[in-house]
Amino acid sequence: GGGLVQAGGSLRLSCAASGGTFSRYGMGW
């Protein structure tokens, strides 16, 4: 979801998880 944007713009970053029980982890950026 990253990219090049102008100041004032928006992006939505996504992080897809696999190999574990996702709900058992706290997540961070």
PDB file of all heavy atoms in Angstrom:
ATOM      1  N   GLY A   1       0.772  -1.228   0.000  1.00  0.00           N
ATOM      2  CA  GLY A   1       0.000   0.000   0.000  1.00  0.00           C
ATOM      3  C   GLY A   1       0.802   1.276   0.000  1.00  0.00           C
ATOM      4  O   GLY A   1       0.221   2.371  -0.085  1.00  0.00           O
ATOM      5  N   GLY A   2       2.109   1.176   0.104  1.00  0.00           N
ATOM      6  CA  GLY A   2       2.930   2.369   0.050  1.00  0.00           C
ATOM      7  C   GLY A   2       2.948   2.963  -1.342  1.00  0.00           C
ATOM      8  O   GLY A   2       2.461   2.378  -2.306  1.00  0.00           O
ATOM      9  N   GLY A   3       3.518   4.150  -1.436  1.00  0.00           N
ATOM     10  CA  GLY A   3       3.594   4.819  -2.720  1.00  0.00           C
ATOM     11  C   GLY A   3       4.052   6.242  -2.581  1.00  0.00           C
ATOM     12  O   GLY A   3       4.515   6.666  -1.519  1.00  0.00           O
ATOM     13  N   LEU A   4       3.916   6.978  -3.665  1.00  0.00           N
ATOM     14  CA  LEU A   4       4.299   8.380  -3.732  1.00  0.00           C
ATOM     15  C   LEU A   4       3.041   9.237  -3.712  1.00  0.00           C
ATOM     16  O   LEU A   4       2.153   9.058  -4.553  1.00  0.00           O
ATOM     17  CB  LEU A   4       5.106   8.650  -4.999  1.00  0.00           C
ATOM     18  CG  LEU A   4       5.474  10.098  -5.298  1.00  0.00           C
ATOM     19  CD1 LEU A   4       6.385  10.651  -4.211  1.00  0.00           C
ATOM     20  CD2 LEU A   4       6.131  10.199  -6.668  1.00  0.00           C
ATOM     21  N   VAL A   5       2.971  10.150  -2.760  1.00  0.00           N
ATOM     22  CA  VAL A   5       1.819  11.046  -2.643  1.00  0.00           C
ATOM     23  C   VAL A   5       2.294  12.458  -2.369  1.00  0.00           C
ATOM     24  O   VAL A   5       3.410  12.680  -1.893  1.00  0.00           O
ATOM     25  CB  VAL A   5       0.851  10.609  -1.526  1.00  0.00           C
ATOM     26  CG1 VAL A   5       0.268   9.235  -1.820  1.00  0.00           C
ATOM     27  CG2 VAL A   5       1.558  10.605  -0.176  1.00  0.00           C
ATOM     28  N   GLN A   6       1.439  13.419  -2.668  1.00  0.00           N
ATOM     29  CA  GLN A   6       1.720  14.807  -2.343  1.00  0.00           C
ATOM     30  C   GLN A   6       1.381  15.090  -0.889  1.00  0.00           C
ATOM     31  O   GLN A   6       0.557  14.397  -0.279  1.00  0.00           O
ATOM     32  CB  GLN A   6       0.924  15.745  -3.239  1.00  0.00           C
ATOM     33  CG  GLN A   6       1.332  15.719  -4.701  1.00  0.00           C
ATOM     34  CD  GLN A   6       0.568  16.725  -5.530  1.00  0.00           C
ATOM     35  OE1 GLN A   6      -0.593  17.012  -5.264  1.00  0.00           O
ATOM     36  NE2 GLN A   6       1.220  17.271  -6.546  1.00  0.00           N
ATOM     37  N   ALA A   7       2.028  16.090  -0.332  1.00  0.00           N
ATOM     38  CA  ALA A   7       1.708  16.511   1.025  1.00  0.00           C
ATOM     39  C   ALA A   7       0.213  16.781   1.150  1.00  0.00           C
ATOM     40  O   ALA A   7      -0.399  17.392   0.277  1.00  0.00           O
ATOM     41  CB  ALA A   7       2.507  17.748   1.397  1.00  0.00           C
ATOM     42  N   GLY A   8      -0.364  16.306   2.248  1.00  0.00           N
ATOM     43  CA  GLY A   8      -1.791  16.431   2.460  1.00  0.00           C
ATOM     44  C   GLY A   8      -2.592  15.240   1.988  1.00  0.00           C
ATOM     45  O   GLY A   8      -3.786  15.130   2.307  1.00  0.00           O
ATOM     46  N   GLY A   9      -1.967  14.347   1.265  1.00  0.00           N
ATOM     47  CA  GLY A   9      -2.640  13.174   0.751  1.00  0.00           C
ATOM     48  C   GLY A   9      -2.722  12.059   1.765  1.00  0.00           C
ATOM     49  O   GLY A   9      -2.299  12.194   2.914  1.00  0.00           O
ATOM     50  N   SER A  10      -3.260  10.932   1.315  1.00  0.00           N
ATOM     51  CA  SER A  10      -3.497   9.793   2.189  1.00  0.00           C
ATOM     52  C   SER A  10      -3.101   8.496   1.512  1.00  0.00           C
ATOM     53  O   SER A  10      -3.146   8.373   0.281  1.00  0.00           O
ATOM     54  CB  SER A  10      -4.981   9.705   2.574  1.00  0.00           C
ATOM     55  OG  SER A  10      -5.420  10.860   3.253  1.00  0.00           O
ATOM     56  N   LEU A  11      -2.731   7.533   2.336  1.00  0.00           N
ATOM     57  CA  LEU A  11      -2.489   6.174   1.898  1.00  0.00           C
ATOM     58  C   LEU A  11      -3.023   5.232   2.962  1.00  0.00           C
ATOM     59  O   LEU A  11      -3.027   5.568   4.145  1.00  0.00           O
ATOM     60  CB  LEU A  11      -0.999   5.892   1.704  1.00  0.00           C
ATOM     61  CG  LEU A  11      -0.278   6.526   0.517  1.00  0.00           C
ATOM     62  CD1 LEU A  11       1.222   6.297   0.662  1.00  0.00           C
ATOM     63  CD2 LEU A  11      -0.782   5.949  -0.791  1.00  0.00           C
ATOM     64  N   ARG A  12      -3.469   4.066   2.542  1.00  0.00           N
ATOM     65  CA  ARG A  12      -3.797   3.017   3.491  1.00  0.00           C
ATOM     66  C   ARG A  12      -2.818   1.868   3.309  1.00  0.00           C
ATOM     67  O   ARG A  12      -2.793   1.220   2.260  1.00  0.00           O
ATOM     68  CB  ARG A  12      -5.225   2.503   3.341  1.00  0.00           C
ATOM     69  CG  ARG A  12      -5.608   1.556   4.499  1.00  0.00           C
ATOM     70  CD  ARG A  12      -7.060   1.171   4.524  1.00  0.00           C
ATOM     71  NE  ARG A  12      -7.369   0.085   3.604  1.00  0.00           N
ATOM     72  CZ  ARG A  12      -8.369  -0.769   3.772  1.00  0.00           C
ATOM     73  NH1 ARG A  12      -9.168  -0.658   4.832  1.00  0.00           N
ATOM     74  NH2 ARG A  12      -8.594  -1.713   2.868  1.00  0.00           N
ATOM     75  N   LEU A  13      -2.028   1.644   4.334  1.00  0.00           N
ATOM     76  CA  LEU A  13      -1.077   0.557   4.327  1.00  0.00           C
ATOM     77  C   LEU A  13      -1.728  -0.697   4.890  1.00  0.00           C
ATOM     78  O   LEU A  13      -2.521  -0.630   5.823  1.00  0.00           O
ATOM     79  CB  LEU A  13       0.158   0.910   5.156  1.00  0.00           C
ATOM     80  CG  LEU A  13       0.821   2.256   4.860  1.00  0.00           C
ATOM     81  CD1 LEU A  13       2.075   2.407   5.713  1.00  0.00           C
ATOM     82  CD2 LEU A  13       1.144   2.394   3.382  1.00  0.00           C
ATOM     83  N   SER A  14      -1.387  -1.832   4.319  1.00  0.00           N
ATOM     84  CA  SER A  14      -1.909  -3.106   4.775  1.00  0.00           C
ATOM     85  C   SER A  14      -0.763  -4.027   5.153  1.00  0.00           C
ATOM     86  O   SER A  14       0.333  -3.939   4.598  1.00  0.00           O
ATOM     87  CB  SER A  14      -2.752  -3.777   3.686  1.00  0.00           C
ATOM     88  OG  SER A  14      -3.867  -2.993   3.339  1.00  0.00           O
ATOM     89  N   CYS A  15      -1.031  -4.906   6.088  1.00  0.00           N
ATOM     90  CA  CYS A  15      -0.060  -5.907   6.507  1.00  0.00           C
ATOM     91  C   CYS A  15      -0.786  -7.226   6.641  1.00  0.00           C
ATOM     92  O   CYS A  15      -1.620  -7.392   7.543  1.00  0.00           O
ATOM     93  CB  CYS A  15       0.590  -5.497   7.831  1.00  0.00           C
ATOM     94  SG  CYS A  15       1.718  -6.726   8.525  1.00  0.00           S
ATOM     95  N   ALA A  16      -0.482  -8.148   5.758  1.00  0.00           N
ATOM     96  CA  ALA A  16      -1.104  -9.462   5.760  1.00  0.00           C
ATOM     97  C   ALA A  16      -0.235 -10.444   6.532  1.00  0.00           C
ATOM     98  O   ALA A  16       0.968 -10.549   6.281  1.00  0.00           O
ATOM     99  CB  ALA A  16      -1.311  -9.955   4.332  1.00  0.00           C
ATOM    100  N   ALA A  17      -0.849 -11.159   7.459  1.00  0.00           N
ATOM    101  CA  ALA A  17      -0.136 -12.098   8.313  1.00  0.00           C
ATOM    102  C   ALA A  17      -0.482 -13.531   7.943  1.00  0.00           C
ATOM    103  O   ALA A  17      -1.610 -13.842   7.558  1.00  0.00           O
ATOM    104  CB  ALA A  17      -0.473 -11.849   9.777  1.00  0.00           C
ATOM    105  N   SER A  18       0.498 -14.400   8.088  1.00  0.00           N
ATOM    106  CA  SER A  18       0.282 -15.822   7.876  1.00  0.00           C
ATOM    107  C   SER A  18       1.203 -16.609   8.795  1.00  0.00           C
ATOM    108  O   SER A  18       2.197 -16.083   9.302  1.00  0.00           O
ATOM    109  CB  SER A  18       0.527 -16.215   6.420  1.00  0.00           C
ATOM    110  OG  SER A  18       1.872 -15.957   6.046  1.00  0.00           O
ATOM    111  N   GLY A  19       0.869 -17.874   9.022  1.00  0.00           N
ATOM    112  CA  GLY A  19       1.734 -18.750   9.792  1.00  0.00           C
ATOM    113  C   GLY A  19       1.536 -18.712  11.296  1.00  0.00           C
ATOM    114  O   GLY A  19       2.309 -19.326  12.026  1.00  0.00           O
ATOM    115  N   GLY A  20       0.535 -18.015  11.778  1.00  0.00           N
ATOM    116  CA  GLY A  20       0.269 -17.930  13.194  1.00  0.00           C
ATOM    117  C   GLY A  20      -1.187 -17.609  13.461  1.00  0.00           C
ATOM    118  O   GLY A  20      -1.973 -17.422  12.531  1.00  0.00           O
ATOM    119  N   THR A  21      -1.530 -17.550  14.731  1.00  0.00           N
ATOM    120  CA  THR A  21      -2.878 -17.162  15.122  1.00  0.00           C
ATOM    121  C   THR A  21      -2.896 -15.657  15.311  1.00  0.00           C
ATOM    122  O   THR A  21      -2.469 -15.135  16.341  1.00  0.00           O
ATOM    123  CB  THR A  21      -3.310 -17.882  16.400  1.00  0.00           C
ATOM    124  OG1 THR A  21      -3.207 -19.298  16.212  1.00  0.00           O
ATOM    125  CG2 THR A  21      -4.752 -17.537  16.748  1.00  0.00           C
ATOM    126  N   PHE A  22      -3.396 -14.964  14.310  1.00  0.00           N
ATOM    127  CA  PHE A  22      -3.271 -13.520  14.236  1.00  0.00           C
ATOM    128  C   PHE A  22      -3.842 -12.818  15.464  1.00  0.00           C
ATOM    129  O   PHE A  22      -3.249 -11.866  15.986  1.00  0.00           O
ATOM    130  CB  PHE A  22      -3.951 -13.028  12.956  1.00  0.00           C
ATOM    131  CG  PHE A  22      -3.841 -11.561  12.724  1.00  0.00           C
ATOM    132  CD1 PHE A  22      -2.629 -10.974  12.421  1.00  0.00           C
ATOM    133  CD2 PHE A  22      -4.963 -10.753  12.794  1.00  0.00           C
ATOM    134  CE1 PHE A  22      -2.524  -9.615  12.192  1.00  0.00           C
ATOM    135  CE2 PHE A  22      -4.883  -9.396  12.563  1.00  0.00           C
ATOM    136  CZ  PHE A  22      -3.662  -8.823  12.263  1.00  0.00           C
ATOM    137  N   SER A  23      -4.983 -13.283  15.944  1.00  0.00           N
ATOM    138  CA  SER A  23      -5.654 -12.609  17.040  1.00  0.00           C
ATOM    139  C   SER A  23      -4.919 -12.731  18.368  1.00  0.00           C
ATOM    140  O   SER A  23      -5.287 -12.053  19.336  1.00  0.00           O
ATOM    141  CB  SER A  23      -7.086 -13.131  17.193  1.00  0.00           C
ATOM    142  OG  SER A  23      -7.089 -14.513  17.523  1.00  0.00           O
ATOM    143  N   ARG A  24      -3.899 -13.556  18.451  1.00  0.00           N
ATOM    144  CA  ARG A  24      -3.117 -13.709  19.674  1.00  0.00           C
ATOM    145  C   ARG A  24      -1.949 -12.729  19.757  1.00  0.00           C
ATOM    146  O   ARG A  24      -1.209 -12.753  20.750  1.00  0.00           O
ATOM    147  CB  ARG A  24      -2.600 -15.139  19.798  1.00  0.00           C
ATOM    148  CG  ARG A  24      -3.705 -16.165  19.980  1.00  0.00           C
ATOM    149  CD  ARG A  24      -3.146 -17.560  20.141  1.00  0.00           C
ATOM    150  NE  ARG A  24      -4.202 -18.558  20.299  1.00  0.00           N
ATOM    151  CZ  ARG A  24      -3.999 -19.855  20.424  1.00  0.00           C
ATOM    152  NH1 ARG A  24      -2.751 -20.332  20.407  1.00  0.00           N
ATOM    153  NH2 ARG A  24      -5.020 -20.677  20.563  1.00  0.00           N
ATOM    154  N   TYR A  25      -1.777 -11.909  18.758  1.00  0.00           N
ATOM    155  CA  TYR A  25      -0.667 -10.978  18.718  1.00  0.00           C
ATOM    156  C   TYR A  25      -1.148  -9.539  18.752  1.00  0.00           C
ATOM    157  O   TYR A  25      -2.101  -9.166  18.066  1.00  0.00           O
ATOM    158  CB  TYR A  25       0.161 -11.180  17.444  1.00  0.00           C
ATOM    159  CG  TYR A  25       0.862 -12.504  17.374  1.00  0.00           C
ATOM    160  CD1 TYR A  25       0.251 -13.597  16.783  1.00  0.00           C
ATOM    161  CD2 TYR A  25       2.143 -12.658  17.897  1.00  0.00           C
ATOM    162  CE1 TYR A  25       0.893 -14.824  16.727  1.00  0.00           C
ATOM    163  CE2 TYR A  25       2.790 -13.879  17.836  1.00  0.00           C
ATOM    164  CZ  TYR A  25       2.166 -14.955  17.253  1.00  0.00           C
ATOM    165  OH  TYR A  25       2.812 -16.169  17.186  1.00  0.00           O
ATOM    166  N   GLY A  26      -0.471  -8.752  19.571  1.00  0.00           N
ATOM    167  CA  GLY A  26      -0.563  -7.325  19.382  1.00  0.00           C
ATOM    168  C   GLY A  26       0.215  -6.960  18.130  1.00  0.00           C
ATOM    169  O   GLY A  26       1.181  -7.633  17.759  1.00  0.00           O
ATOM    170  N   MET A  27      -0.207  -5.910  17.479  1.00  0.00           N
ATOM    171  CA  MET A  27       0.426  -5.507  16.227  1.00  0.00           C
ATOM    172  C   MET A  27       0.892  -4.064  16.313  1.00  0.00           C
ATOM    173  O   MET A  27       0.315  -3.249  17.046  1.00  0.00           O
ATOM    174  CB  MET A  27      -0.535  -5.661  15.051  1.00  0.00           C
ATOM    175  CG  MET A  27      -1.020  -7.081  14.813  1.00  0.00           C
ATOM    176  SD  MET A  27       0.328  -8.212  14.333  1.00  0.00           S
ATOM    177  CE  MET A  27       0.834  -7.503  12.771  1.00  0.00           C
ATOM    178  N   GLY A  28       1.915  -3.768  15.561  1.00  0.00           N
ATOM    179  CA  GLY A  28       2.435  -2.419  15.541  1.00  0.00           C
ATOM    180  C   GLY A  28       2.928  -2.016  14.172  1.00  0.00           C
ATOM    181  O   GLY A  28       3.185  -2.862  13.305  1.00  0.00           O
ATOM    182  N   TRP A  29       3.023  -0.723  13.989  1.00  0.00           N
ATOM    183  CA  TRP A  29       3.656  -0.137  12.819  1.00  0.00           C
ATOM    184  C   TRP A  29       4.838   0.704  13.275  1.00  0.00           C
ATOM    185  O   TRP A  29       4.728   1.468  14.244  1.00  0.00           O
ATOM    186  CB  TRP A  29       2.689   0.741  12.023  1.00  0.00           C
ATOM    187  CG  TRP A  29       1.679  -0.014  11.217  1.00  0.00           C
ATOM    188  CD1 TRP A  29       0.416  -0.334  11.588  1.00  0.00           C
ATOM    189  CD2 TRP A  29       1.851  -0.518   9.886  1.00  0.00           C
ATOM    190  NE1 TRP A  29      -0.220  -1.014  10.580  1.00  0.00           N
ATOM    191  CE2 TRP A  29       0.639  -1.144   9.526  1.00  0.00           C
ATOM    192  CE3 TRP A  29       2.902  -0.506   8.975  1.00  0.00           C
ATOM    193  CZ2 TRP A  29       0.453  -1.751   8.279  1.00  0.00           C
ATOM    194  CZ3 TRP A  29       2.723  -1.110   7.739  1.00  0.00           C
ATOM    195  CH2 TRP A  29       1.506  -1.721   7.412  1.00  0.00           C
TER     196      TRP A  29
END
